[in-house]
PDB file of N, CA and C in Angstrom:
ATOM      1  N   UNK A   1       0.861  -1.170   0.000  1.00  0.00           N
ATOM      2  CA  UNK A   1       0.000   0.000   0.000  1.00  0.00           C
ATOM      3  C   UNK A   1       0.907   1.232   0.000  1.00  0.00           C
ATOM      4  N   UNK A   2       0.754   2.116  -0.971  1.00  0.00           N
ATOM      5  CA  UNK A   2       1.567   3.340  -0.990  1.00  0.00           C
ATOM      6  C   UNK A   2       1.326   4.172   0.273  1.00  0.00           C
ATOM      7  N   UNK A   3       2.375   4.826   0.726  1.00  0.00           N
ATOM      8  CA  UNK A   3       2.321   5.546   1.996  1.00  0.00           C
ATOM      9  C   UNK A   3       1.220   6.603   2.068  1.00  0.00           C
ATOM     10  N   UNK A   4       1.012   7.463   1.037  1.00  0.00           N
ATOM     11  CA  UNK A   4      -0.079   8.463   1.144  1.00  0.00           C
ATOM     12  C   UNK A   4      -1.456   7.823   1.294  1.00  0.00           C
ATOM     13  N   UNK A   5      -1.679   6.710   0.616  1.00  0.00           N
ATOM     14  CA  UNK A   5      -2.972   6.020   0.750  1.00  0.00           C
ATOM     15  C   UNK A   5      -3.105   5.445   2.150  1.00  0.00           C
ATOM     16  N   UNK A   6      -2.011   4.881   2.657  1.00  0.00           N
ATOM     17  CA  UNK A   6      -2.010   4.335   4.016  1.00  0.00           C
ATOM     18  C   UNK A   6      -2.375   5.427   5.023  1.00  0.00           C
ATOM     19  N   UNK A   7      -1.771   6.607   4.881  1.00  0.00           N
ATOM     20  CA  UNK A   7      -2.068   7.729   5.792  1.00  0.00           C
ATOM     21  C   UNK A   7      -3.537   8.129   5.682  1.00  0.00           C
ATOM     22  N   UNK A   8      -4.062   8.198   4.470  1.00  0.00           N
ATOM     23  CA  UNK A   8      -5.472   8.567   4.292  1.00  0.00           C
ATOM     24  C   UNK A   8      -6.389   7.533   4.939  1.00  0.00           C
ATOM     25  N   UNK A   9      -6.061   6.259   4.781  1.00  0.00           N
ATOM     26  CA  UNK A   9      -6.863   5.193   5.396  1.00  0.00           C
ATOM     27  C   UNK A   9      -6.814   5.323   6.915  1.00  0.00           C
ATOM     28  N   UNK A  10      -5.642   5.578   7.466  1.00  0.00           N
ATOM     29  CA  UNK A  10      -5.501   5.729   8.915  1.00  0.00           C
ATOM     30  C   UNK A  10      -6.304   6.923   9.430  1.00  0.00           C
ATOM     31  N   UNK A  11      -6.307   8.017   8.690  1.00  0.00           N
ATOM     32  CA  UNK A  11      -7.077   9.197   9.094  1.00  0.00           C
ATOM     33  C   UNK A  11      -8.568   8.880   9.103  1.00  0.00           C
ATOM     34  N   UNK A  12      -9.053   8.224   8.065  1.00  0.00           N
ATOM     35  CA  UNK A  12     -10.477   7.872   7.988  1.00  0.00           C
ATOM     36  C   UNK A  12     -10.852   6.918   9.118  1.00  0.00           C
ATOM     37  N   UNK A  13     -10.019   5.907   9.371  1.00  0.00           N
ATOM     38  CA  UNK A  13     -10.304   4.958  10.445  1.00  0.00           C
ATOM     39  C   UNK A  13     -10.291   5.638  11.815  1.00  0.00           C
ATOM     40  N   UNK A  14      -9.371   6.570  12.005  1.00  0.00           N
ATOM     41  CA  UNK A  14      -9.309   7.302  13.274  1.00  0.00           C
ATOM     42  C   UNK A  14     -10.552   8.170  13.456  1.00  0.00           C
ATOM     43  N   UNK A  15     -10.994   8.838  12.401  1.00  0.00           N
ATOM     44  CA  UNK A  15     -12.214   9.649  12.485  1.00  0.00           C
ATOM     45  C   UNK A  15     -13.430   8.772  12.769  1.00  0.00           C
ATOM     46  N   UNK A  16     -13.469   7.602  12.159  1.00  0.00           N
ATOM     47  CA  UNK A  16     -14.558   6.665  12.402  1.00  0.00           C
ATOM     48  C   UNK A  16     -14.559   6.201  13.857  1.00  0.00           C
ATOM     49  N   UNK A  17     -13.390   5.922  14.370  1.00  0.00           N
ATOM     50  CA  UNK A  17     -13.249   5.519  15.769  1.00  0.00           C
ATOM     51  C   UNK A  17     -13.725   6.637  16.704  1.00  0.00           C
ATOM     52  N   UNK A  18     -13.359   7.870  16.384  1.00  0.00           N
ATOM     53  CA  UNK A  18     -13.782   9.016  17.201  1.00  0.00           C
ATOM     54  C   UNK A  18     -15.301   9.194  17.156  1.00  0.00           C
ATOM     55  N   UNK A  19     -15.916   8.968  15.998  1.00  0.00           N
ATOM     56  CA  UNK A  19     -17.368   9.052  15.881  1.00  0.00           C
ATOM     57  C   UNK A  19     -18.032   8.040  16.804  1.00  0.00           C
ATOM     58  N   UNK A  20     -17.543   6.807  16.790  1.00  0.00           N
ATOM     59  CA  UNK A  20     -18.112   5.776  17.666  1.00  0.00           C
ATOM     60  C   UNK A  20     -17.964   6.129  19.133  1.00  0.00           C
ATOM     61  N   UNK A  21     -16.799   6.650  19.489  1.00  0.00           N
ATOM     62  CA  UNK A  21     -16.581   7.030  20.891  1.00  0.00           C
ATOM     63  C   UNK A  21     -17.456   8.205  21.290  1.00  0.00           C
ATOM     64  N   UNK A  22     -17.709   9.112  20.371  1.00  0.00           N
ATOM     65  CA  UNK A  22     -18.590  10.252  20.646  1.00  0.00           C
ATOM     66  C   UNK A  22     -20.027   9.776  20.877  1.00  0.00           C
ATOM     67  N   UNK A  23     -20.481   8.835  20.057  1.00  0.00           N
ATOM     68  CA  UNK A  23     -21.826   8.297  20.232  1.00  0.00           C
ATOM     69  C   UNK A  23     -21.932   7.519  21.546  1.00  0.00           C
ATOM     70  N   UNK A  24     -20.874   6.792  21.901  1.00  0.00           N
ATOM     71  CA  UNK A  24     -20.850   6.092  23.189  1.00  0.00           C
ATOM     72  C   UNK A  24     -20.998   7.100  24.328  1.00  0.00           C
ATOM     73  N   UNK A  25     -20.251   8.207  24.258  1.00  0.00           N
ATOM     74  CA  UNK A  25     -20.345   9.236  25.293  1.00  0.00           C
ATOM     75  C   UNK A  25     -21.751   9.824  25.368  1.00  0.00           C
ATOM     76  N   UNK A  26     -22.409  10.009  24.223  1.00  0.00           N
ATOM     77  CA  UNK A  26     -23.792  10.509  24.221  1.00  0.00           C
ATOM     78  C   UNK A  26     -24.715   9.541  24.950  1.00  0.00           C
ATOM     79  N   UNK A  27     -24.546   8.254  24.686  1.00  0.00           N
ATOM     80  CA  UNK A  27     -25.365   7.248  25.380  1.00  0.00           C
ATOM     81  C   UNK A  27     -25.052   7.228  26.877  1.00  0.00           C
ATOM     82  N   UNK A  28     -23.785   7.334  27.214  1.00  0.00           N
ATOM     83  CA  UNK A  28     -23.380   7.340  28.624  1.00  0.00           C
ATOM     84  C   UNK A  28     -23.928   8.575  29.337  1.00  0.00           C
ATOM     85  N   UNK A  29     -23.887   9.711  28.673  1.00  0.00           N
ATOM     86  CA  UNK A  29     -24.442  10.947  29.244  1.00  0.00           C
ATOM     87  C   UNK A  29     -25.942  10.784  29.487  1.00  0.00           C
ATOM     88  N   UNK A  30     -26.642  10.146  28.536  1.00  0.00           N
ATOM     89  CA  UNK A  30     -28.076   9.886  28.698  1.00  0.00           C
ATOM     90  C   UNK A  30     -28.320   8.938  29.875  1.00  0.00           C
ATOM     91  N   UNK A  31     -27.502   7.905  29.977  1.00  0.00           N
ATOM     92  CA  UNK A  31     -27.618   6.970  31.093  1.00  0.00           C
ATOM     93  C   UNK A  31     -27.444   7.707  32.418  1.00  0.00           C
ATOM     94  N   UNK A  32     -26.449   8.543  32.508  1.00  0.00           N
ATOM     95  CA  UNK A  32     -26.173   9.302  33.727  1.00  0.00           C
ATOM     96  C   UNK A  32     -27.327  10.234  34.085  1.00  0.00           C
ATOM     97  N   UNK A  33     -27.856  10.934  33.092  1.00  0.00           N
ATOM     98  CA  UNK A  33     -28.904  11.939  33.338  1.00  0.00           C
ATOM     99  C   UNK A  33     -30.282  11.328  33.586  1.00  0.00           C
ATOM    100  N   UNK A  34     -30.600  10.234  32.922  1.00  0.00           N
ATOM    101  CA  UNK A  34     -31.968   9.707  32.962  1.00  0.00           C
ATOM    102  C   UNK A  34     -32.125   8.366  33.669  1.00  0.00           C
ATOM    103  N   UNK A  35     -31.037   7.673  33.893  1.00  0.00           N
ATOM    104  CA  UNK A  35     -31.095   6.362  34.544  1.00  0.00           C
ATOM    105  C   UNK A  35     -29.928   6.267  35.521  1.00  0.00           C
ATOM    106  N   UNK A  36     -29.896   7.185  36.458  1.00  0.00           N
ATOM    107  CA  UNK A  36     -28.736   7.306  37.342  1.00  0.00           C
ATOM    108  C   UNK A  36     -28.482   6.052  38.180  1.00  0.00           C
ATOM    109  N   UNK A  37     -29.532   5.325  38.523  1.00  0.00           N
ATOM    110  CA  UNK A  37     -29.343   4.100  39.307  1.00  0.00           C
ATOM    111  C   UNK A  37     -28.527   3.067  38.519  1.00  0.00           C
ATOM    112  N   UNK A  38     -28.828   2.925  37.238  1.00  0.00           N
ATOM    113  CA  UNK A  38     -28.058   1.998  36.403  1.00  0.00           C
ATOM    114  C   UNK A  38     -26.621   2.487  36.218  1.00  0.00           C
ATOM    115  N   UNK A  39     -26.443   3.807  36.131  1.00  0.00           N
ATOM    116  CA  UNK A  39     -25.097   4.371  36.005  1.00  0.00           C
ATOM    117  C   UNK A  39     -24.278   4.055  37.262  1.00  0.00           C
ATOM    118  N   UNK A  40     -24.909   4.196  38.434  1.00  0.00           N
ATOM    119  CA  UNK A  40     -24.229   3.859  39.689  1.00  0.00           C
ATOM    120  C   UNK A  40     -23.901   2.365  39.756  1.00  0.00           C
ATOM    121  N   UNK A  41     -24.865   1.527  39.353  1.00  0.00           N
ATOM    122  CA  UNK A  41     -24.638   0.080  39.362  1.00  0.00           C
ATOM    123  C   UNK A  41     -23.510  -0.321  38.410  1.00  0.00           C
ATOM    124  N   UNK A  42     -23.331   0.451  37.347  1.00  0.00           N
ATOM    125  CA  UNK A  42     -22.268   0.159  36.374  1.00  0.00           C
ATOM    126  C   UNK A  42     -20.896   0.594  36.881  1.00  0.00           C
ATOM    127  N   UNK A  43     -20.854   1.212  38.062  1.00  0.00           N
ATOM    128  CA  UNK A  43     -19.565   1.609  38.634  1.00  0.00           C
ATOM    129  C   UNK A  43     -19.168   3.044  38.342  1.00  0.00           C
ATOM    130  N   UNK A  44     -20.121   3.891  37.966  1.00  0.00           N
ATOM    131  CA  UNK A  44     -19.882   5.301  37.636  1.00  0.00           C
ATOM    132  C   UNK A  44     -18.891   5.460  36.480  1.00  0.00           C
ATOM    133  N   UNK A  45     -19.195   4.848  35.339  1.00  0.00           N
ATOM    134  CA  UNK A  45     -18.266   4.944  34.213  1.00  0.00           C
ATOM    135  C   UNK A  45     -18.145   6.364  33.680  1.00  0.00           C
ATOM    136  N   UNK A  46     -16.968   6.676  33.175  1.00  0.00           N
ATOM    137  CA  UNK A  46     -16.741   7.955  32.497  1.00  0.00           C
ATOM    138  C   UNK A  46     -16.660   7.681  31.006  1.00  0.00           C
ATOM    139  N   UNK A  47     -16.860   8.728  30.215  1.00  0.00           N
ATOM    140  CA  UNK A  47     -16.786   8.559  28.775  1.00  0.00           C
ATOM    141  C   UNK A  47     -15.367   8.696  28.257  1.00  0.00           C
ATOM    142  N   UNK A  48     -15.238   8.583  26.958  1.00  0.00           N
ATOM    143  CA  UNK A  48     -13.945   8.788  26.321  1.00  0.00           C
ATOM    144  C   UNK A  48     -13.582  10.276  26.332  1.00  0.00           C
ATOM    145  N   UNK A  49     -14.609  11.130  26.137  1.00  0.00           N
ATOM    146  CA  UNK A  49     -14.399  12.578  26.092  1.00  0.00           C
ATOM    147  C   UNK A  49     -15.218  13.323  27.132  1.00  0.00           C
ATOM    148  N   UNK A  50     -15.969  12.614  27.948  1.00  0.00           N
ATOM    149  CA  UNK A  50     -16.890  13.233  28.910  1.00  0.00           C
ATOM    150  C   UNK A  50     -16.732  12.575  30.270  1.00  0.00           C
ATOM    151  N   UNK A  51     -16.782  13.412  31.301  1.00  0.00           N
ATOM    152  CA  UNK A  51     -16.736  12.913  32.669  1.00  0.00           C
ATOM    153  C   UNK A  51     -17.713  13.734  33.504  1.00  0.00           C
ATOM    154  N   UNK A  52     -18.637  13.064  34.221  1.00  0.00           N
ATOM    155  CA  UNK A  52     -19.588  13.818  35.032  1.00  0.00           C
ATOM    156  C   UNK A  52     -18.874  14.504  36.194  1.00  0.00           C
ATOM    157  N   UNK A  53     -19.484  15.587  36.669  1.00  0.00           N
ATOM    158  CA  UNK A  53     -18.873  16.326  37.782  1.00  0.00           C
ATOM    159  C   UNK A  53     -18.742  15.443  39.013  1.00  0.00           C
ATOM    160  N   UNK A  54     -19.831  14.783  39.390  1.00  0.00           N
ATOM    161  CA  UNK A  54     -19.727  13.830  40.487  1.00  0.00           C
ATOM    162  C   UNK A  54     -19.328  12.520  39.848  1.00  0.00           C
ATOM    163  N   UNK A  55     -18.550  11.803  40.511  1.00  0.00           N
ATOM    164  CA  UNK A  55     -18.115  10.565  39.880  1.00  0.00           C
ATOM    165  C   UNK A  55     -17.094   9.850  40.703  1.00  0.00           C
ATOM    166  N   UNK A  56     -16.117   9.383  40.045  1.00  0.00           N
ATOM    167  CA  UNK A  56     -15.137   8.520  40.649  1.00  0.00           C
ATOM    168  C   UNK A  56     -13.753   8.915  40.160  1.00  0.00           C
ATOM    169  N   UNK A  57     -12.772   8.162  40.543  1.00  0.00           N
ATOM    170  CA  UNK A  57     -11.427   8.458  40.051  1.00  0.00           C
ATOM    171  C   UNK A  57     -11.343   8.096  38.575  1.00  0.00           C
ATOM    172  N   UNK A  58     -10.352   8.644  37.915  1.00  0.00           N
ATOM    173  CA  UNK A  58     -10.179   8.372  36.491  1.00  0.00           C
ATOM    174  C   UNK A  58     -10.001   6.874  36.250  1.00  0.00           C
ATOM    175  N   UNK A  59      -9.188   6.219  37.073  1.00  0.00           N
ATOM    176  CA  UNK A  59      -8.913   4.795  36.883  1.00  0.00           C
ATOM    177  C   UNK A  59     -10.175   3.952  37.061  1.00  0.00           C
ATOM    178  N   UNK A  60     -10.929   4.198  38.118  1.00  0.00           N
ATOM    179  CA  UNK A  60     -12.159   3.439  38.360  1.00  0.00           C
ATOM    180  C   UNK A  60     -13.192   3.706  37.267  1.00  0.00           C
ATOM    181  N   UNK A  61     -13.316   4.968  36.858  1.00  0.00           N
ATOM    182  CA  UNK A  61     -14.264   5.329  35.803  1.00  0.00           C
ATOM    183  C   UNK A  61     -13.907   4.705  34.470  1.00  0.00           C
ATOM    184  N   UNK A  62     -12.617   4.628  34.187  1.00  0.00           N
ATOM    185  CA  UNK A  62     -12.152   4.018  32.944  1.00  0.00           C
ATOM    186  C   UNK A  62     -12.408   2.512  32.951  1.00  0.00           C
ATOM    187  N   UNK A  63     -12.146   1.876  34.083  1.00  0.00           N
ATOM    188  CA  UNK A  63     -12.413   0.436  34.190  1.00  0.00           C
ATOM    189  C   UNK A  63     -13.913   0.151  34.056  1.00  0.00           C
ATOM    190  N   UNK A  64     -14.737   0.968  34.689  1.00  0.00           N
ATOM    191  CA  UNK A  64     -16.190   0.794  34.587  1.00  0.00           C
ATOM    192  C   UNK A  64     -16.650   1.020  33.146  1.00  0.00           C
ATOM    193  N   UNK A  65     -16.042   2.004  32.461  1.00  0.00           N
ATOM    194  CA  UNK A  65     -16.384   2.262  31.062  1.00  0.00           C
ATOM    195  C   UNK A  65     -16.061   1.050  30.197  1.00  0.00           C
ATOM    196  N   UNK A  66     -14.920   0.458  30.427  1.00  0.00           N
ATOM    197  CA  UNK A  66     -14.513  -0.701  29.632  1.00  0.00           C
ATOM    198  C   UNK A  66     -15.499  -1.855  29.790  1.00  0.00           C
ATOM    199  N   UNK A  67     -15.887  -2.131  31.015  1.00  0.00           N
ATOM    200  CA  UNK A  67     -16.854  -3.203  31.267  1.00  0.00           C
ATOM    201  C   UNK A  67     -18.189  -2.876  30.600  1.00  0.00           C
ATOM    202  N   UNK A  68     -18.648  -1.632  30.754  1.00  0.00           N
ATOM    203  CA  UNK A  68     -19.920  -1.216  30.173  1.00  0.00           C
ATOM    204  C   UNK A  68     -19.856  -1.249  28.649  1.00  0.00           C
ATOM    205  N   UNK A  69     -18.749  -0.757  28.084  1.00  0.00           N
ATOM    206  CA  UNK A  69     -18.580  -0.729  26.634  1.00  0.00           C
ATOM    207  C   UNK A  69     -18.729  -2.135  26.043  1.00  0.00           C
ATOM    208  N   UNK A  70     -18.010  -3.096  26.604  1.00  0.00           N
ATOM    209  CA  UNK A  70     -18.075  -4.460  26.065  1.00  0.00           C
ATOM    210  C   UNK A  70     -19.423  -5.104  26.341  1.00  0.00           C
ATOM    211  N   UNK A  71     -20.086  -4.702  27.407  1.00  0.00           N
ATOM    212  CA  UNK A  71     -21.436  -5.182  27.665  1.00  0.00           C
ATOM    213  C   UNK A  71     -22.389  -4.694  26.569  1.00  0.00           C
ATOM    214  N   UNK A  72     -22.254  -3.422  26.197  1.00  0.00           N
ATOM    215  CA  UNK A  72     -23.101  -2.854  25.146  1.00  0.00           C
ATOM    216  C   UNK A  72     -22.763  -3.424  23.775  1.00  0.00           C
ATOM    217  N   UNK A  73     -21.557  -3.881  23.581  1.00  0.00           N
ATOM    218  CA  UNK A  73     -21.200  -4.500  22.306  1.00  0.00           C
ATOM    219  C   UNK A  73     -21.907  -5.845  22.141  1.00  0.00           C
ATOM    220  N   UNK A  74     -22.179  -6.516  23.259  1.00  0.00           N
ATOM    221  CA  UNK A  74     -22.797  -7.842  23.226  1.00  0.00           C
ATOM    222  C   UNK A  74     -24.322  -7.809  23.299  1.00  0.00           C
ATOM    223  N   UNK A  75     -24.870  -6.838  24.020  1.00  0.00           N
ATOM    224  CA  UNK A  75     -26.326  -6.830  24.199  1.00  0.00           C
ATOM    225  C   UNK A  75     -26.828  -5.397  24.349  1.00  0.00           C
ATOM    226  N   UNK A  76     -28.090  -5.233  24.064  1.00  0.00           N
ATOM    227  CA  UNK A  76     -28.735  -3.923  24.168  1.00  0.00           C
ATOM    228  C   UNK A  76     -29.247  -3.741  25.590  1.00  0.00           C
ATOM    229  N   UNK A  77     -28.863  -2.636  26.250  1.00  0.00           N
ATOM    230  CA  UNK A  77     -29.341  -2.416  27.618  1.00  0.00           C
ATOM    231  C   UNK A  77     -30.861  -2.243  27.668  1.00  0.00           C
ATOM    232  N   UNK A  78     -31.458  -2.695  28.755  1.00  0.00           N
ATOM    233  CA  UNK A  78     -32.918  -2.644  28.905  1.00  0.00           C
ATOM    234  C   UNK A  78     -33.449  -1.211  28.945  1.00  0.00           C
ATOM    235  N   UNK A  79     -32.645  -0.262  29.429  1.00  0.00           N
ATOM    236  CA  UNK A  79     -33.113   1.107  29.600  1.00  0.00           C
ATOM    237  C   UNK A  79     -33.153   1.900  28.297  1.00  0.00           C
ATOM    238  N   UNK A  80     -32.521   1.403  27.246  1.00  0.00           N
ATOM    239  CA  UNK A  80     -32.370   2.215  26.033  1.00  0.00           C
ATOM    240  C   UNK A  80     -33.708   2.377  25.312  1.00  0.00           C
ATOM    241  N   UNK A  81     -34.034   3.621  25.019  1.00  0.00           N
ATOM    242  CA  UNK A  81     -35.277   3.922  24.326  1.00  0.00           C
ATOM    243  C   UNK A  81     -35.091   3.684  22.829  1.00  0.00           C
ATOM    244  N   UNK A  82     -36.181   3.368  22.125  1.00  0.00           N
ATOM    245  CA  UNK A  82     -36.067   3.091  20.679  1.00  0.00           C
ATOM    246  C   UNK A  82     -35.395   4.214  19.890  1.00  0.00           C
ATOM    247  N   UNK A  83     -35.624   5.456  20.276  1.00  0.00           N
ATOM    248  CA  UNK A  83     -35.030   6.567  19.524  1.00  0.00           C
ATOM    249  C   UNK A  83     -33.518   6.675  19.730  1.00  0.00           C
ATOM    250  N   UNK A  84     -32.976   5.976  20.723  1.00  0.00           N
ATOM    251  CA  UNK A  84     -31.528   5.988  20.956  1.00  0.00           C
ATOM    252  C   UNK A  84     -30.829   4.752  20.399  1.00  0.00           C
ATOM    253  N   UNK A  85     -31.599   3.800  19.928  1.00  0.00           N
ATOM    254  CA  UNK A  85     -31.018   2.552  19.453  1.00  0.00           C
ATOM    255  C   UNK A  85     -30.029   2.765  18.312  1.00  0.00           C
ATOM    256  N   UNK A  86     -30.298   3.744  17.444  1.00  0.00           N
ATOM    257  CA  UNK A  86     -29.391   3.990  16.318  1.00  0.00           C
ATOM    258  C   UNK A  86     -28.002   4.390  16.802  1.00  0.00           C
ATOM    259  N   UNK A  87     -27.918   5.110  17.922  1.00  0.00           N
ATOM    260  CA  UNK A  87     -26.608   5.491  18.458  1.00  0.00           C
ATOM    261  C   UNK A  87     -25.806   4.254  18.871  1.00  0.00           C
ATOM    262  N   UNK A  88     -26.482   3.298  19.489  1.00  0.00           N
ATOM    263  CA  UNK A  88     -25.811   2.072  19.890  1.00  0.00           C
ATOM    264  C   UNK A  88     -25.305   1.310  18.672  1.00  0.00           C
ATOM    265  N   UNK A  89     -26.101   1.280  17.615  1.00  0.00           N
ATOM    266  CA  UNK A  89     -25.668   0.592  16.400  1.00  0.00           C
ATOM    267  C   UNK A  89     -24.505   1.322  15.733  1.00  0.00           C
ATOM    268  N   UNK A  90     -24.478   2.643  15.810  1.00  0.00           N
ATOM    269  CA  UNK A  90     -23.333   3.386  15.276  1.00  0.00           C
ATOM    270  C   UNK A  90     -22.079   3.039  16.067  1.00  0.00           C
ATOM    271  N   UNK A  91     -22.202   2.980  17.390  1.00  0.00           N
ATOM    272  CA  UNK A  91     -21.048   2.605  18.225  1.00  0.00           C
ATOM    273  C   UNK A  91     -20.544   1.230  17.802  1.00  0.00           C
ATOM    274  N   UNK A  92     -21.438   0.278  17.707  1.00  0.00           N
ATOM    275  CA  UNK A  92     -21.046  -1.086  17.340  1.00  0.00           C
ATOM    276  C   UNK A  92     -20.416  -1.135  15.954  1.00  0.00           C
ATOM    277  N   UNK A  93     -21.063  -0.513  14.992  1.00  0.00           N
ATOM    278  CA  UNK A  93     -20.587  -0.554  13.609  1.00  0.00           C
ATOM    279  C   UNK A  93     -19.229   0.130  13.461  1.00  0.00           C
ATOM    280  N   UNK A  94     -19.074   1.313  14.049  1.00  0.00           N
ATOM    281  CA  UNK A  94     -17.800   2.023  13.906  1.00  0.00           C
ATOM    282  C   UNK A  94     -16.665   1.278  14.596  1.00  0.00           C
ATOM    283  N   UNK A  95     -16.939   0.633  15.710  1.00  0.00           N
ATOM    284  CA  UNK A  95     -15.886  -0.109  16.392  1.00  0.00           C
ATOM    285  C   UNK A  95     -15.451  -1.327  15.574  1.00  0.00           C
ATOM    286  N   UNK A  96     -16.405  -2.021  14.995  1.00  0.00           N
ATOM    287  CA  UNK A  96     -16.068  -3.198  14.192  1.00  0.00           C
ATOM    288  C   UNK A  96     -15.298  -2.789  12.941  1.00  0.00           C
ATOM    289  N   UNK A  97     -15.802  -1.797  12.215  1.00  0.00           N
ATOM    290  CA  UNK A  97     -15.150  -1.368  10.973  1.00  0.00           C
ATOM    291  C   UNK A  97     -13.751  -0.823  11.247  1.00  0.00           C
ATOM    292  N   UNK A  98     -13.630   0.052  12.238  1.00  0.00           N
ATOM    293  CA  UNK A  98     -12.311   0.639  12.503  1.00  0.00           C
ATOM    294  C   UNK A  98     -11.331  -0.413  13.009  1.00  0.00           C
ATOM    295  N   UNK A  99     -11.793  -1.339  13.837  1.00  0.00           N
ATOM    296  CA  UNK A  99     -10.907  -2.398  14.330  1.00  0.00           C
ATOM    297  C   UNK A  99     -10.420  -3.277  13.185  1.00  0.00           C
ATOM    298  N   UNK A 100     -11.338  -3.698  12.339  1.00  0.00           N
ATOM    299  CA  UNK A 100     -10.945  -4.517  11.190  1.00  0.00           C
ATOM    300  C   UNK A 100     -10.020  -3.741  10.252  1.00  0.00           C
ATOM    301  N   UNK A 101     -10.303  -2.465  10.076  1.00  0.00           N
ATOM    302  CA  UNK A 101      -9.463  -1.637   9.215  1.00  0.00           C
ATOM    303  C   UNK A 101      -8.053  -1.486   9.739  1.00  0.00           C
ATOM    304  N   UNK A 102      -7.925  -1.229  11.035  1.00  0.00           N
ATOM    305  CA  UNK A 102      -6.590  -1.093  11.629  1.00  0.00           C
ATOM    306  C   UNK A 102      -5.811  -2.411  11.547  1.00  0.00           C
ATOM    307  N   UNK A 103      -6.491  -3.520  11.799  1.00  0.00           N
ATOM    308  CA  UNK A 103      -5.826  -4.825  11.719  1.00  0.00           C
ATOM    309  C   UNK A 103      -5.383  -5.101  10.282  1.00  0.00           C
ATOM    310  N   UNK A 104      -6.275  -4.865   9.326  1.00  0.00           N
ATOM    311  CA  UNK A 104      -5.943  -5.091   7.916  1.00  0.00           C
ATOM    312  C   UNK A 104      -4.788  -4.211   7.476  1.00  0.00           C
ATOM    313  N   UNK A 105      -4.828  -2.934   7.848  1.00  0.00           N
ATOM    314  CA  UNK A 105      -3.737  -2.021   7.484  1.00  0.00           C
ATOM    315  C   UNK A 105      -2.421  -2.458   8.125  1.00  0.00           C
ATOM    316  N   UNK A 106      -2.481  -2.918   9.360  1.00  0.00           N
ATOM    317  CA  UNK A 106      -1.276  -3.398  10.037  1.00  0.00           C
ATOM    318  C   UNK A 106      -0.683  -4.618   9.352  1.00  0.00           C
ATOM    319  N   UNK A 107      -1.557  -5.532   8.943  1.00  0.00           N
ATOM    320  CA  UNK A 107      -1.087  -6.723   8.227  1.00  0.00           C
ATOM    321  C   UNK A 107      -0.455  -6.328   6.898  1.00  0.00           C
ATOM    322  N   UNK A 108      -1.115  -5.455   6.166  1.00  0.00           N
ATOM    323  CA  UNK A 108      -0.591  -5.034   4.871  1.00  0.00           C
ATOM    324  C   UNK A 108       0.743  -4.299   5.032  1.00  0.00           C
ATOM    325  N   UNK A 109       0.833  -3.478   6.058  1.00  0.00           N
ATOM    326  CA  UNK A 109       2.084  -2.737   6.310  1.00  0.00           C
ATOM    327  C   UNK A 109       3.206  -3.686   6.692  1.00  0.00           C
ATOM    328  N   UNK A 110       2.889  -4.700   7.476  1.00  0.00           N
ATOM    329  CA  UNK A 110       3.924  -5.647   7.911  1.00  0.00           C
ATOM    330  C   UNK A 110       4.426  -6.519   6.762  1.00  0.00           C
ATOM    331  N   UNK A 111       3.590  -6.665   5.728  1.00  0.00           N
ATOM    332  CA  UNK A 111       3.987  -7.467   4.581  1.00  0.00           C
ATOM    333  C   UNK A 111       4.657  -6.623   3.502  1.00  0.00           C
ATOM    334  N   UNK A 112       4.837  -5.343   3.799  1.00  0.00           N
ATOM    335  CA  UNK A 112       5.539  -4.463   2.871  1.00  0.00           C
ATOM    336  C   UNK A 112       4.718  -4.008   1.686  1.00  0.00           C
ATOM    337  N   UNK A 113       3.453  -4.054   1.770  1.00  0.00           N
ATOM    338  CA  UNK A 113       2.715  -3.567   0.611  1.00  0.00           C
ATOM    339  C   UNK A 113       1.303  -3.884   0.736  1.00  0.00           C
TER     340      UNK A 113
END
């Protein structure tokens, strides 16, 4: 893969990854604001770009986010309203596409082309 194309692919994949993380933060913000009991039960997770004023330490919030993130990748939370379901699918889709893209680009780069 020529280097300029590789850079363009990496930029697109990074932007896609950021979009997914932004949508995750939107869902997490909604969880915090409208379903605070579930947010507390989840360990007070923080977002990738958002952290509630009341909360926990960065390390605990990050660990709780990781557990919650992978939980949402496997199943749809009971509290999610139908109008928010598209955000969850964007999170899932962008994570899968960007992960596969980064792996594919890494393999191609390691093989010299």
